[in-house]
Amino acid sequence: MGTPISIEAAGPRLREALEHMPEGETLEIVDSGGEPMALLVSLRPSPGESVSAEEWLVELDALAERISKAWKSDRSAVEIISEMRR
């Protein structure tokens, strides 16, 4: 998983953290109890580095697999977000 950062610390440091993250690096936002709240993935390529669409798909599939293994809810993310938006 990515580098954990508390939600409290993320506010003032988020922009700086994201600007220095290499492509594909993740940043995990956790609550005050250390429970994951969000996973941010850097999409900004490193200078001079080019990534093919196939490499992106492999990375995204690996990320989807990690998220799937860690998912603890009986409901999908889409169901949870839909409910939050009501």
PDB file of N, CA and C in Angstrom:
ATOM      1  N   MET A   1       0.858  -1.179   0.000  1.00  0.00           N
ATOM      2  CA  MET A   1       0.000   0.000   0.000  1.00  0.00           C
ATOM      3  C   MET A   1       0.892   1.226   0.000  1.00  0.00           C
ATOM      4  N   GLY A   2       0.301   2.378  -0.248  1.00  0.00           N
ATOM      5  CA  GLY A   2       1.055   3.611  -0.356  1.00  0.00           C
ATOM      6  C   GLY A   2       1.497   4.159   0.979  1.00  0.00           C
ATOM      7  N   THR A   3       2.192   5.246   0.916  1.00  0.00           N
ATOM      8  CA  THR A   3       2.658   5.928   2.110  1.00  0.00           C
ATOM      9  C   THR A   3       1.453   6.452   2.881  1.00  0.00           C
ATOM     10  N   PRO A   4       1.295   6.075   4.169  1.00  0.00           N
ATOM     11  CA  PRO A   4       0.139   6.582   4.916  1.00  0.00           C
ATOM     12  C   PRO A   4       0.366   8.004   5.424  1.00  0.00           C
ATOM     13  N   ILE A   5      -0.681   8.808   5.365  1.00  0.00           N
ATOM     14  CA  ILE A   5      -0.650  10.166   5.894  1.00  0.00           C
ATOM     15  C   ILE A   5      -2.016  10.422   6.531  1.00  0.00           C
ATOM     16  N   SER A   6      -2.017  11.022   7.707  1.00  0.00           N
ATOM     17  CA  SER A   6      -3.289  11.258   8.399  1.00  0.00           C
ATOM     18  C   SER A   6      -4.078  12.332   7.661  1.00  0.00           C
ATOM     19  N   ILE A   7      -5.388  12.265   7.802  1.00  0.00           N
ATOM     20  CA  ILE A   7      -6.270  13.243   7.163  1.00  0.00           C
ATOM     21  C   ILE A   7      -5.954  14.644   7.680  1.00  0.00           C
ATOM     22  N   GLU A   8      -5.570  14.737   8.952  1.00  0.00           N
ATOM     23  CA  GLU A   8      -5.243  16.031   9.541  1.00  0.00           C
ATOM     24  C   GLU A   8      -3.991  16.623   8.903  1.00  0.00           C
ATOM     25  N   ALA A   9      -2.992  15.789   8.652  1.00  0.00           N
ATOM     26  CA  ALA A   9      -1.740  16.264   8.056  1.00  0.00           C
ATOM     27  C   ALA A   9      -1.862  16.437   6.549  1.00  0.00           C
ATOM     28  N   ALA A  10      -2.807  15.739   5.924  1.00  0.00           N
ATOM     29  CA  ALA A  10      -2.927  15.771   4.467  1.00  0.00           C
ATOM     30  C   ALA A  10      -3.290  17.154   3.952  1.00  0.00           C
ATOM     31  N   GLY A  11      -4.170  17.848   4.653  1.00  0.00           N
ATOM     32  CA  GLY A  11      -4.620  19.165   4.195  1.00  0.00           C
ATOM     33  C   GLY A  11      -3.470  20.087   3.833  1.00  0.00           C
ATOM     34  N   PRO A  12      -2.646  20.448   4.797  1.00  0.00           N
ATOM     35  CA  PRO A  12      -1.581  21.394   4.485  1.00  0.00           C
ATOM     36  C   PRO A  12      -0.445  20.812   3.636  1.00  0.00           C
ATOM     37  N   ARG A  13      -0.276  19.496   3.617  1.00  0.00           N
ATOM     38  CA  ARG A  13       0.874  18.897   2.930  1.00  0.00           C
ATOM     39  C   ARG A  13       0.507  18.152   1.658  1.00  0.00           C
ATOM     40  N   LEU A  14      -0.772  18.074   1.325  1.00  0.00           N
ATOM     41  CA  LEU A  14      -1.209  17.242   0.215  1.00  0.00           C
ATOM     42  C   LEU A  14      -0.610  17.675  -1.119  1.00  0.00           C
ATOM     43  N   ARG A  15      -0.688  18.944  -1.429  1.00  0.00           N
ATOM     44  CA  ARG A  15      -0.155  19.432  -2.710  1.00  0.00           C
ATOM     45  C   ARG A  15       1.333  19.109  -2.838  1.00  0.00           C
ATOM     46  N   GLU A  16       2.080  19.389  -1.796  1.00  0.00           N
ATOM     47  CA  GLU A  16       3.521  19.122  -1.815  1.00  0.00           C
ATOM     48  C   GLU A  16       3.799  17.624  -1.990  1.00  0.00           C
ATOM     49  N   ALA A  17       3.054  16.800  -1.264  1.00  0.00           N
ATOM     50  CA  ALA A  17       3.249  15.350  -1.362  1.00  0.00           C
ATOM     51  C   ALA A  17       2.954  14.852  -2.770  1.00  0.00           C
ATOM     52  N   LEU A  18       1.868  15.318  -3.362  1.00  0.00           N
ATOM     53  CA  LEU A  18       1.500  14.875  -4.705  1.00  0.00           C
ATOM     54  C   LEU A  18       2.499  15.351  -5.756  1.00  0.00           C
ATOM     55  N   GLU A  19       3.023  16.548  -5.605  1.00  0.00           N
ATOM     56  CA  GLU A  19       3.970  17.077  -6.575  1.00  0.00           C
ATOM     57  C   GLU A  19       5.278  16.294  -6.597  1.00  0.00           C
ATOM     58  N   HIS A  20       5.626  15.652  -5.493  1.00  0.00           N
ATOM     59  CA  HIS A  20       6.886  14.918  -5.415  1.00  0.00           C
ATOM     60  C   HIS A  20       6.726  13.416  -5.598  1.00  0.00           C
ATOM     61  N   MET A  21       5.507  12.971  -5.852  1.00  0.00           N
ATOM     62  CA  MET A  21       5.275  11.536  -6.037  1.00  0.00           C
ATOM     63  C   MET A  21       5.552  11.126  -7.482  1.00  0.00           C
ATOM     64  N   PRO A  22       6.344  10.084  -7.678  1.00  0.00           N
ATOM     65  CA  PRO A  22       6.538   9.593  -9.041  1.00  0.00           C
ATOM     66  C   PRO A  22       5.268   8.912  -9.554  1.00  0.00           C
ATOM     67  N   GLU A  23       5.164   8.800 -10.847  1.00  0.00           N
ATOM     68  CA  GLU A  23       4.000   8.182 -11.472  1.00  0.00           C
ATOM     69  C   GLU A  23       3.765   6.782 -10.900  1.00  0.00           C
ATOM     70  N   GLY A  24       2.508   6.505 -10.600  1.00  0.00           N
ATOM     71  CA  GLY A  24       2.131   5.201 -10.075  1.00  0.00           C
ATOM     72  C   GLY A  24       2.285   5.060  -8.574  1.00  0.00           C
ATOM     73  N   GLU A  25       2.989   5.979  -7.938  1.00  0.00           N
ATOM     74  CA  GLU A  25       3.160   5.948  -6.481  1.00  0.00           C
ATOM     75  C   GLU A  25       1.812   6.244  -5.835  1.00  0.00           C
ATOM     76  N   THR A  26       1.558   5.632  -4.692  1.00  0.00           N
ATOM     77  CA  THR A  26       0.288   5.849  -4.009  1.00  0.00           C
ATOM     78  C   THR A  26       0.494   6.552  -2.674  1.00  0.00           C
ATOM     79  N   LEU A  27      -0.536   7.249  -2.249  1.00  0.00           N
ATOM     80  CA  LEU A  27      -0.557   7.936  -0.971  1.00  0.00           C
ATOM     81  C   LEU A  27      -1.863   7.531  -0.288  1.00  0.00           C
ATOM     82  N   GLU A  28      -1.748   6.912   0.866  1.00  0.00           N
ATOM     83  CA  GLU A  28      -2.920   6.430   1.603  1.00  0.00           C
ATOM     84  C   GLU A  28      -3.310   7.459   2.660  1.00  0.00           C
ATOM     85  N   ILE A  29      -4.555   7.936   2.612  1.00  0.00           N
ATOM     86  CA  ILE A  29      -5.083   8.875   3.601  1.00  0.00           C
ATOM     87  C   ILE A  29      -5.780   8.054   4.678  1.00  0.00           C
ATOM     88  N   VAL A  30      -5.378   8.252   5.945  1.00  0.00           N
ATOM     89  CA  VAL A  30      -5.954   7.492   7.051  1.00  0.00           C
ATOM     90  C   VAL A  30      -6.621   8.434   8.042  1.00  0.00           C
ATOM     91  N   ASP A  31      -7.607   7.904   8.792  1.00  0.00           N
ATOM     92  CA  ASP A  31      -8.256   8.712   9.819  1.00  0.00           C
ATOM     93  C   ASP A  31      -7.398   8.709  11.084  1.00  0.00           C
ATOM     94  N   SER A  32      -7.872   9.379  12.116  1.00  0.00           N
ATOM     95  CA  SER A  32      -7.091   9.506  13.347  1.00  0.00           C
ATOM     96  C   SER A  32      -6.830   8.157  14.019  1.00  0.00           C
ATOM     97  N   GLY A  33      -7.637   7.145  13.708  1.00  0.00           N
ATOM     98  CA  GLY A  33      -7.425   5.809  14.250  1.00  0.00           C
ATOM     99  C   GLY A  33      -6.548   4.940  13.368  1.00  0.00           C
ATOM    100  N   GLY A  34      -6.070   5.496  12.260  1.00  0.00           N
ATOM    101  CA  GLY A  34      -5.202   4.748  11.364  1.00  0.00           C
ATOM    102  C   GLY A  34      -5.929   3.931  10.314  1.00  0.00           C
ATOM    103  N   GLU A  35      -7.265   4.068  10.251  1.00  0.00           N
ATOM    104  CA  GLU A  35      -8.050   3.320   9.264  1.00  0.00           C
ATOM    105  C   GLU A  35      -8.003   4.027   7.908  1.00  0.00           C
ATOM    106  N   PRO A  36      -7.800   3.274   6.827  1.00  0.00           N
ATOM    107  CA  PRO A  36      -7.734   3.894   5.501  1.00  0.00           C
ATOM    108  C   PRO A  36      -9.034   4.599   5.119  1.00  0.00           C
ATOM    109  N   MET A  37      -8.893   5.778   4.511  1.00  0.00           N
ATOM    110  CA  MET A  37     -10.041   6.551   4.029  1.00  0.00           C
ATOM    111  C   MET A  37     -10.003   6.713   2.516  1.00  0.00           C
ATOM    112  N   ALA A  38      -8.790   6.846   1.963  1.00  0.00           N
ATOM    113  CA  ALA A  38      -8.641   7.070   0.523  1.00  0.00           C
ATOM    114  C   ALA A  38      -7.259   6.617   0.079  1.00  0.00           C
ATOM    115  N   LEU A  39      -7.165   6.318  -1.203  1.00  0.00           N
ATOM    116  CA  LEU A  39      -5.894   5.961  -1.809  1.00  0.00           C
ATOM    117  C   LEU A  39      -5.721   6.829  -3.046  1.00  0.00           C
ATOM    118  N   LEU A  40      -4.719   7.670  -3.037  1.00  0.00           N
ATOM    119  CA  LEU A  40      -4.442   8.560  -4.163  1.00  0.00           C
ATOM    120  C   LEU A  40      -3.299   7.976  -4.976  1.00  0.00           C
ATOM    121  N   VAL A  41      -3.434   8.012  -6.295  1.00  0.00           N
ATOM    122  CA  VAL A  41      -2.409   7.478  -7.196  1.00  0.00           C
ATOM    123  C   VAL A  41      -1.912   8.605  -8.079  1.00  0.00           C
ATOM    124  N   SER A  42      -0.603   8.796  -8.107  1.00  0.00           N
ATOM    125  CA  SER A  42      -0.016   9.834  -8.941  1.00  0.00           C
ATOM    126  C   SER A  42      -0.107   9.441 -10.410  1.00  0.00           C
ATOM    127  N   LEU A  43      -0.617  10.355 -11.223  1.00  0.00           N
ATOM    128  CA  LEU A  43      -0.718  10.126 -12.662  1.00  0.00           C
ATOM    129  C   LEU A  43       0.304  10.955 -13.427  1.00  0.00           C
ATOM    130  N   ARG A  44       1.072  11.739 -12.711  1.00  0.00           N
ATOM    131  CA  ARG A  44       2.055  12.619 -13.337  1.00  0.00           C
ATOM    132  C   ARG A  44       3.321  11.828 -13.664  1.00  0.00           C
ATOM    133  N   PRO A  45       3.668  11.737 -14.960  1.00  0.00           N
ATOM    134  CA  PRO A  45       4.881  11.008 -15.320  1.00  0.00           C
ATOM    135  C   PRO A  45       6.137  11.752 -14.870  1.00  0.00           C
ATOM    136  N   SER A  46       7.166  10.988 -14.578  1.00  0.00           N
ATOM    137  CA  SER A  46       8.455  11.584 -14.247  1.00  0.00           C
ATOM    138  C   SER A  46       9.011  12.229 -15.513  1.00  0.00           C
ATOM    139  N   PRO A  47       9.789  13.289 -15.381  1.00  0.00           N
ATOM    140  CA  PRO A  47      10.347  13.943 -16.564  1.00  0.00           C
ATOM    141  C   PRO A  47      11.142  12.955 -17.420  1.00  0.00           C
ATOM    142  N   GLY A  48      10.876  12.971 -18.717  1.00  0.00           N
ATOM    143  CA  GLY A  48      11.596  12.112 -19.644  1.00  0.00           C
ATOM    144  C   GLY A  48      11.150  10.669 -19.648  1.00  0.00           C
ATOM    145  N   GLU A  49      10.153  10.326 -18.852  1.00  0.00           N
ATOM    146  CA  GLU A  49       9.690   8.943 -18.765  1.00  0.00           C
ATOM    147  C   GLU A  49       8.358   8.806 -19.493  1.00  0.00           C
ATOM    148  N   SER A  50       8.260   7.800 -20.322  1.00  0.00           N
ATOM    149  CA  SER A  50       7.036   7.556 -21.064  1.00  0.00           C
ATOM    150  C   SER A  50       6.502   6.168 -20.700  1.00  0.00           C
ATOM    151  N   VAL A  51       5.202   6.082 -20.480  1.00  0.00           N
ATOM    152  CA  VAL A  51       4.586   4.816 -20.114  1.00  0.00           C
ATOM    153  C   VAL A  51       3.548   4.463 -21.176  1.00  0.00           C
ATOM    154  N   SER A  52       3.594   3.233 -21.643  1.00  0.00           N
ATOM    155  CA  SER A  52       2.647   2.805 -22.665  1.00  0.00           C
ATOM    156  C   SER A  52       1.284   2.530 -22.042  1.00  0.00           C
ATOM    157  N   ALA A  53       0.271   2.520 -22.887  1.00  0.00           N
ATOM    158  CA  ALA A  53      -1.091   2.227 -22.425  1.00  0.00           C
ATOM    159  C   ALA A  53      -1.149   0.829 -21.827  1.00  0.00           C
ATOM    160  N   GLU A  54      -0.423  -0.106 -22.403  1.00  0.00           N
ATOM    161  CA  GLU A  54      -0.418  -1.477 -21.881  1.00  0.00           C
ATOM    162  C   GLU A  54       0.189  -1.531 -20.479  1.00  0.00           C
ATOM    163  N   GLU A  55       1.265  -0.762 -20.252  1.00  0.00           N
ATOM    164  CA  GLU A  55       1.875  -0.710 -18.917  1.00  0.00           C
ATOM    165  C   GLU A  55       0.905  -0.105 -17.905  1.00  0.00           C
ATOM    166  N   TRP A  56       0.158   0.934 -18.329  1.00  0.00           N
ATOM    167  CA  TRP A  56      -0.850   1.539 -17.451  1.00  0.00           C
ATOM    168  C   TRP A  56      -1.904   0.508 -17.063  1.00  0.00           C
ATOM    169  N   LEU A  57      -2.382  -0.246 -18.036  1.00  0.00           N
ATOM    170  CA  LEU A  57      -3.412  -1.246 -17.750  1.00  0.00           C
ATOM    171  C   LEU A  57      -2.912  -2.295 -16.779  1.00  0.00           C
ATOM    172  N   VAL A  58      -1.671  -2.720 -16.925  1.00  0.00           N
ATOM    173  CA  VAL A  58      -1.093  -3.693 -15.994  1.00  0.00           C
ATOM    174  C   VAL A  58      -1.050  -3.104 -14.586  1.00  0.00           C
ATOM    175  N   GLU A  59      -0.600  -1.853 -14.478  1.00  0.00           N
ATOM    176  CA  GLU A  59      -0.549  -1.185 -13.171  1.00  0.00           C
ATOM    177  C   GLU A  59      -1.945  -1.031 -12.563  1.00  0.00           C
ATOM    178  N   LEU A  60      -2.906  -0.608 -13.378  1.00  0.00           N
ATOM    179  CA  LEU A  60      -4.269  -0.430 -12.870  1.00  0.00           C
ATOM    180  C   LEU A  60      -4.897  -1.756 -12.457  1.00  0.00           C
ATOM    181  N   ASP A  61      -4.630  -2.816 -13.208  1.00  0.00           N
ATOM    182  CA  ASP A  61      -5.133  -4.141 -12.831  1.00  0.00           C
ATOM    183  C   ASP A  61      -4.538  -4.591 -11.499  1.00  0.00           C
ATOM    184  N   ALA A  62      -3.248  -4.344 -11.305  1.00  0.00           N
ATOM    185  CA  ALA A  62      -2.598  -4.704 -10.044  1.00  0.00           C
ATOM    186  C   ALA A  62      -3.192  -3.898  -8.887  1.00  0.00           C
ATOM    187  N   LEU A  63      -3.435  -2.619  -9.114  1.00  0.00           N
ATOM    188  CA  LEU A  63      -4.049  -1.774  -8.091  1.00  0.00           C
ATOM    189  C   LEU A  63      -5.463  -2.248  -7.772  1.00  0.00           C
ATOM    190  N   ALA A  64      -6.237  -2.576  -8.804  1.00  0.00           N
ATOM    191  CA  ALA A  64      -7.601  -3.082  -8.598  1.00  0.00           C
ATOM    192  C   ALA A  64      -7.581  -4.364  -7.777  1.00  0.00           C
ATOM    193  N   GLU A  65      -6.623  -5.221  -8.037  1.00  0.00           N
ATOM    194  CA  GLU A  65      -6.502  -6.479  -7.285  1.00  0.00           C
ATOM    195  C   GLU A  65      -6.182  -6.207  -5.814  1.00  0.00           C
ATOM    196  N   ARG A  66      -5.267  -5.251  -5.548  1.00  0.00           N
ATOM    197  CA  ARG A  66      -4.926  -4.912  -4.161  1.00  0.00           C
ATOM    198  C   ARG A  66      -6.130  -4.329  -3.432  1.00  0.00           C
ATOM    199  N   ILE A  67      -6.875  -3.466  -4.101  1.00  0.00           N
ATOM    200  CA  ILE A  67      -8.055  -2.856  -3.484  1.00  0.00           C
ATOM    201  C   ILE A  67      -9.105  -3.928  -3.226  1.00  0.00           C
ATOM    202  N   SER A  68      -9.301  -4.809  -4.186  1.00  0.00           N
ATOM    203  CA  SER A  68     -10.288  -5.883  -4.054  1.00  0.00           C
ATOM    204  C   SER A  68      -9.976  -6.776  -2.858  1.00  0.00           C
ATOM    205  N   LYS A  69      -8.720  -7.114  -2.675  1.00  0.00           N
ATOM    206  CA  LYS A  69      -8.316  -7.978  -1.550  1.00  0.00           C
ATOM    207  C   LYS A  69      -8.523  -7.287  -0.210  1.00  0.00           C
ATOM    208  N   ALA A  70      -8.370  -5.950  -0.182  1.00  0.00           N
ATOM    209  CA  ALA A  70      -8.500  -5.202   1.066  1.00  0.00           C
ATOM    210  C   ALA A  70      -9.928  -4.755   1.353  1.00  0.00           C
ATOM    211  N   TRP A  71     -10.833  -4.877   0.365  1.00  0.00           N
ATOM    212  CA  TRP A  71     -12.207  -4.395   0.512  1.00  0.00           C
ATOM    213  C   TRP A  71     -12.936  -5.200   1.572  1.00  0.00           C
ATOM    214  N   LYS A  72     -13.564  -4.519   2.542  1.00  0.00           N
ATOM    215  CA  LYS A  72     -14.196  -5.207   3.673  1.00  0.00           C
ATOM    216  C   LYS A  72     -15.710  -5.092   3.682  1.00  0.00           C
ATOM    217  N   SER A  73     -16.277  -4.300   2.822  1.00  0.00           N
ATOM    218  CA  SER A  73     -17.715  -4.081   2.827  1.00  0.00           C
ATOM    219  C   SER A  73     -18.427  -5.089   1.925  1.00  0.00           C
ATOM    220  N   ASP A  74     -19.656  -5.403   2.276  1.00  0.00           N
ATOM    221  CA  ASP A  74     -20.483  -6.251   1.420  1.00  0.00           C
ATOM    222  C   ASP A  74     -20.993  -5.462   0.217  1.00  0.00           C
ATOM    223  N   ARG A  75     -21.012  -4.126   0.356  1.00  0.00           N
ATOM    224  CA  ARG A  75     -21.478  -3.264  -0.732  1.00  0.00           C
ATOM    225  C   ARG A  75     -20.294  -2.808  -1.575  1.00  0.00           C
ATOM    226  N   SER A  76     -20.583  -2.525  -2.837  1.00  0.00           N
ATOM    227  CA  SER A  76     -19.530  -2.030  -3.730  1.00  0.00           C
ATOM    228  C   SER A  76     -19.282  -0.550  -3.465  1.00  0.00           C
ATOM    229  N   ALA A  77     -18.163  -0.059  -3.972  1.00  0.00           N
ATOM    230  CA  ALA A  77     -17.842   1.361  -3.835  1.00  0.00           C
ATOM    231  C   ALA A  77     -18.902   2.213  -4.523  1.00  0.00           C
ATOM    232  N   VAL A  78     -19.400   1.743  -5.653  1.00  0.00           N
ATOM    233  CA  VAL A  78     -20.440   2.481  -6.385  1.00  0.00           C
ATOM    234  C   VAL A  78     -21.694   2.598  -5.530  1.00  0.00           C
ATOM    235  N   GLU A  79     -22.079   1.499  -4.857  1.00  0.00           N
ATOM    236  CA  GLU A  79     -23.263   1.532  -3.995  1.00  0.00           C
ATOM    237  C   GLU A  79     -23.064   2.499  -2.830  1.00  0.00           C
ATOM    238  N   ILE A  80     -21.899   2.494  -2.239  1.00  0.00           N
ATOM    239  CA  ILE A  80     -21.612   3.369  -1.101  1.00  0.00           C
ATOM    240  C   ILE A  80     -21.643   4.840  -1.533  1.00  0.00           C
ATOM    241  N   ILE A  81     -21.000   5.155  -2.646  1.00  0.00           N
ATOM    242  CA  ILE A  81     -20.981   6.534  -3.147  1.00  0.00           C
ATOM    243  C   ILE A  81     -22.381   6.991  -3.521  1.00  0.00           C
ATOM    244  N   SER A  82     -23.154   6.118  -4.175  1.00  0.00           N
ATOM    245  CA  SER A  82     -24.534   6.468  -4.547  1.00  0.00           C
ATOM    246  C   SER A  82     -25.353   6.798  -3.308  1.00  0.00           C
ATOM    247  N   GLU A  83     -25.175   6.018  -2.272  1.00  0.00           N
ATOM    248  CA  GLU A  83     -25.910   6.257  -1.037  1.00  0.00           C
ATOM    249  C   GLU A  83     -25.483   7.579  -0.392  1.00  0.00           C
ATOM    250  N   MET A  84     -24.185   7.883  -0.445  1.00  0.00           N
ATOM    251  CA  MET A  84     -23.672   9.130   0.148  1.00  0.00           C
ATOM    252  C   MET A  84     -24.214  10.348  -0.605  1.00  0.00           C
ATOM    253  N   ARG A  85     -24.473  10.216  -1.879  1.00  0.00           N
ATOM    254  CA  ARG A  85     -24.922  11.349  -2.697  1.00  0.00           C
ATOM    255  C   ARG A  85     -26.420  11.614  -2.587  1.00  0.00           C
ATOM    256  N   ARG A  86     -27.146  10.752  -1.932  1.00  0.00           N
ATOM    257  CA  ARG A  86     -28.593  10.954  -1.801  1.00  0.00           C
ATOM    258  C   ARG A  86     -28.914  12.036  -0.818  1.00  0.00           C
TER     259      ARG A  86
END
